Structures are given as C-alpha cells and as structure tokens.
Amino acid sequence: MKTFFEAIGYLFTDILFIPLTFLRNLELQNWWLANLITWVFILICCGATVYWLKQLTIFKNNHEDDQDTTAHSFLS
C-alpha cells in the first residue's frame, strides 16, 4: 500500500508538475512570458463579458427581458 501512495506522489510531483516547474523557472527570466496563461484567461473573460453585455442589450432593445421586481415574495 505504501508503494501505491509513493507512486501517486511521484506522478504528481515529478510528472504532472513539469509544466509548472518550467513556468516557475521561466519567471526568473521573463515575468510576462511566465504569466502568459493568466493573460490569455483574462482576455477570454473580457471577451465573454463583452459578448454577454451585447446580448443583454439586444434583449433589452427587443423588450424580451422581464424586469419584474415582484418575481420573488421577499422583494415585494
């Protein structure tokens, strides 16, 4: 049973963390390149937010959104 848990430890520390170790070493040379994944996720989230706001505007202009504040009993 001990070898099973050691194998899991080896898998996570020596194999699956190889990309993270690379990024950790890269950060000492170039911070921007090391955080490229973060910037990509930020751009994706910004794009999704812009798309969402455009869709909300389309529904609002077509009067398809229901903004009844009495939809829940605790709001009345």
C-alpha atoms as a PDB file:
ATOM      1  CA  MET A   1       0.000   0.000   0.000  1.00  0.00           C
ATOM      2  CA  LYS A   2       2.920   2.313   0.721  1.00  0.00           C
ATOM      3  CA  THR A   3       4.235   1.946  -2.836  1.00  0.00           C
ATOM      4  CA  PHE A   4       0.814   2.911  -4.211  1.00  0.00           C
ATOM      5  CA  PHE A   5       0.877   6.243  -2.390  1.00  0.00           C
ATOM      6  CA  GLU A   6       4.523   6.793  -3.315  1.00  0.00           C
ATOM      7  CA  ALA A   7       3.561   6.214  -6.957  1.00  0.00           C
ATOM      8  CA  ILE A   8       0.818   8.827  -6.647  1.00  0.00           C
ATOM      9  CA  GLY A   9       3.314  11.234  -5.076  1.00  0.00           C
ATOM     10  CA  TYR A  10       5.829  10.586  -7.851  1.00  0.00           C
ATOM     11  CA  LEU A  11       3.137  11.111 -10.501  1.00  0.00           C
ATOM     12  CA  PHE A  12       2.116  14.484  -9.138  1.00  0.00           C
ATOM     13  CA  THR A  13       5.494  15.893  -8.109  1.00  0.00           C
ATOM     14  CA  ASP A  14       7.738  14.619 -10.895  1.00  0.00           C
ATOM     15  CA  ILE A  15       5.457  14.224 -13.913  1.00  0.00           C
ATOM     16  CA  LEU A  16       2.311  16.352 -13.732  1.00  0.00           C
ATOM     17  CA  PHE A  17       4.063  19.419 -12.319  1.00  0.00           C
ATOM     18  CA  ILE A  18       6.651  19.592 -15.136  1.00  0.00           C
ATOM     19  CA  PRO A  19       4.834  22.494 -16.898  1.00  0.00           C
ATOM     20  CA  LEU A  20       4.501  24.395 -13.625  1.00  0.00           C
ATOM     21  CA  THR A  21       8.175  23.882 -12.820  1.00  0.00           C
ATOM     22  CA  PHE A  22       9.020  25.224 -16.284  1.00  0.00           C
ATOM     23  CA  LEU A  23       6.874  28.311 -15.663  1.00  0.00           C
ATOM     24  CA  ARG A  24       8.431  28.816 -12.225  1.00  0.00           C
ATOM     25  CA  ASN A  25      11.926  28.776 -13.748  1.00  0.00           C
ATOM     26  CA  LEU A  26      10.814  30.982 -16.638  1.00  0.00           C
ATOM     27  CA  GLU A  27       9.529  33.628 -14.241  1.00  0.00           C
ATOM     28  CA  LEU A  28      13.075  34.424 -13.173  1.00  0.00           C
ATOM     29  CA  GLN A  29      13.891  35.364 -16.774  1.00  0.00           C
ATOM     30  CA  ASN A  30      10.689  36.900 -18.126  1.00  0.00           C
ATOM     31  CA  TRP A  31       7.674  37.666 -15.947  1.00  0.00           C
ATOM     32  CA  TRP A  32       5.355  38.477 -18.878  1.00  0.00           C
ATOM     33  CA  LEU A  33       6.026  35.211 -20.661  1.00  0.00           C
ATOM     34  CA  ALA A  34       5.629  33.195 -17.468  1.00  0.00           C
ATOM     35  CA  ASN A  35       2.185  34.727 -16.901  1.00  0.00           C
ATOM     36  CA  LEU A  36       1.030  34.272 -20.492  1.00  0.00           C
ATOM     37  CA  ILE A  37      -1.600  31.721 -19.450  1.00  0.00           C
ATOM     38  CA  THR A  38      -3.058  34.225 -16.994  1.00  0.00           C
ATOM     39  CA  TRP A  39      -3.229  36.924 -19.664  1.00  0.00           C
ATOM     40  CA  VAL A  40      -4.941  34.542 -22.080  1.00  0.00           C
ATOM     41  CA  PHE A  41      -7.597  33.707 -19.472  1.00  0.00           C
ATOM     42  CA  ILE A  42      -8.083  37.404 -18.726  1.00  0.00           C
ATOM     43  CA  LEU A  43      -8.622  38.130 -22.441  1.00  0.00           C
ATOM     44  CA  ILE A  44     -11.087  35.241 -22.734  1.00  0.00           C
ATOM     45  CA  CYS A  45     -13.049  36.529 -19.730  1.00  0.00           C
ATOM     46  CA  CYS A  46     -13.079  40.071 -21.120  1.00  0.00           C
ATOM     47  CA  GLY A  47     -14.346  38.791 -24.472  1.00  0.00           C
ATOM     48  CA  ALA A  48     -17.053  36.727 -22.797  1.00  0.00           C
ATOM     49  CA  THR A  49     -18.139  39.737 -20.733  1.00  0.00           C
ATOM     50  CA  VAL A  50     -18.376  41.952 -23.825  1.00  0.00           C
ATOM     51  CA  TYR A  51     -20.406  39.275 -25.643  1.00  0.00           C
ATOM     52  CA  TRP A  52     -22.706  38.879 -22.652  1.00  0.00           C
ATOM     53  CA  LEU A  53     -23.290  42.636 -22.382  1.00  0.00           C
ATOM     54  CA  LYS A  54     -24.072  42.822 -26.111  1.00  0.00           C
ATOM     55  CA  GLN A  55     -26.627  40.033 -25.738  1.00  0.00           C
ATOM     56  CA  LEU A  56     -28.219  41.795 -22.771  1.00  0.00           C
ATOM     57  CA  THR A  57     -28.505  44.971 -24.837  1.00  0.00           C
ATOM     58  CA  ILE A  58     -30.149  43.067 -27.710  1.00  0.00           C
ATOM     59  CA  PHE A  59     -32.742  41.528 -25.381  1.00  0.00           C
ATOM     60  CA  LYS A  60     -33.373  44.868 -23.693  1.00  0.00           C
ATOM     61  CA  ASN A  61     -33.914  46.641 -27.031  1.00  0.00           C
ATOM     62  CA  ASN A  62     -36.381  43.926 -28.131  1.00  0.00           C
ATOM     63  CA  HIS A  63     -38.232  44.199 -24.774  1.00  0.00           C
ATOM     64  CA  GLU A  64     -37.737  40.467 -24.224  1.00  0.00           C
ATOM     65  CA  ASP A  65     -36.280  40.749 -20.750  1.00  0.00           C
ATOM     66  CA  ASP A  66     -38.566  40.588 -17.753  1.00  0.00           C
ATOM     67  CA  GLN A  67     -37.510  43.032 -15.055  1.00  0.00           C
ATOM     68  CA  ASP A  68     -40.412  42.475 -12.708  1.00  0.00           C
ATOM     69  CA  THR A  69     -39.052  43.082  -9.218  1.00  0.00           C
ATOM     70  CA  THR A  70     -42.024  41.307  -7.639  1.00  0.00           C
ATOM     71  CA  ALA A  71     -40.940  37.963  -9.089  1.00  0.00           C
ATOM     72  CA  HIS A  72     -39.995  36.830  -5.580  1.00  0.00           C
ATOM     73  CA  SER A  73     -42.059  37.287  -2.486  1.00  0.00           C
ATOM     74  CA  PHE A  74     -39.176  38.719  -0.486  1.00  0.00           C
ATOM     75  CA  LEU A  75     -38.772  41.611  -2.984  1.00  0.00           C
ATOM     76  CA  SER A  76     -42.324  42.936  -2.673  1.00  0.00           C
END
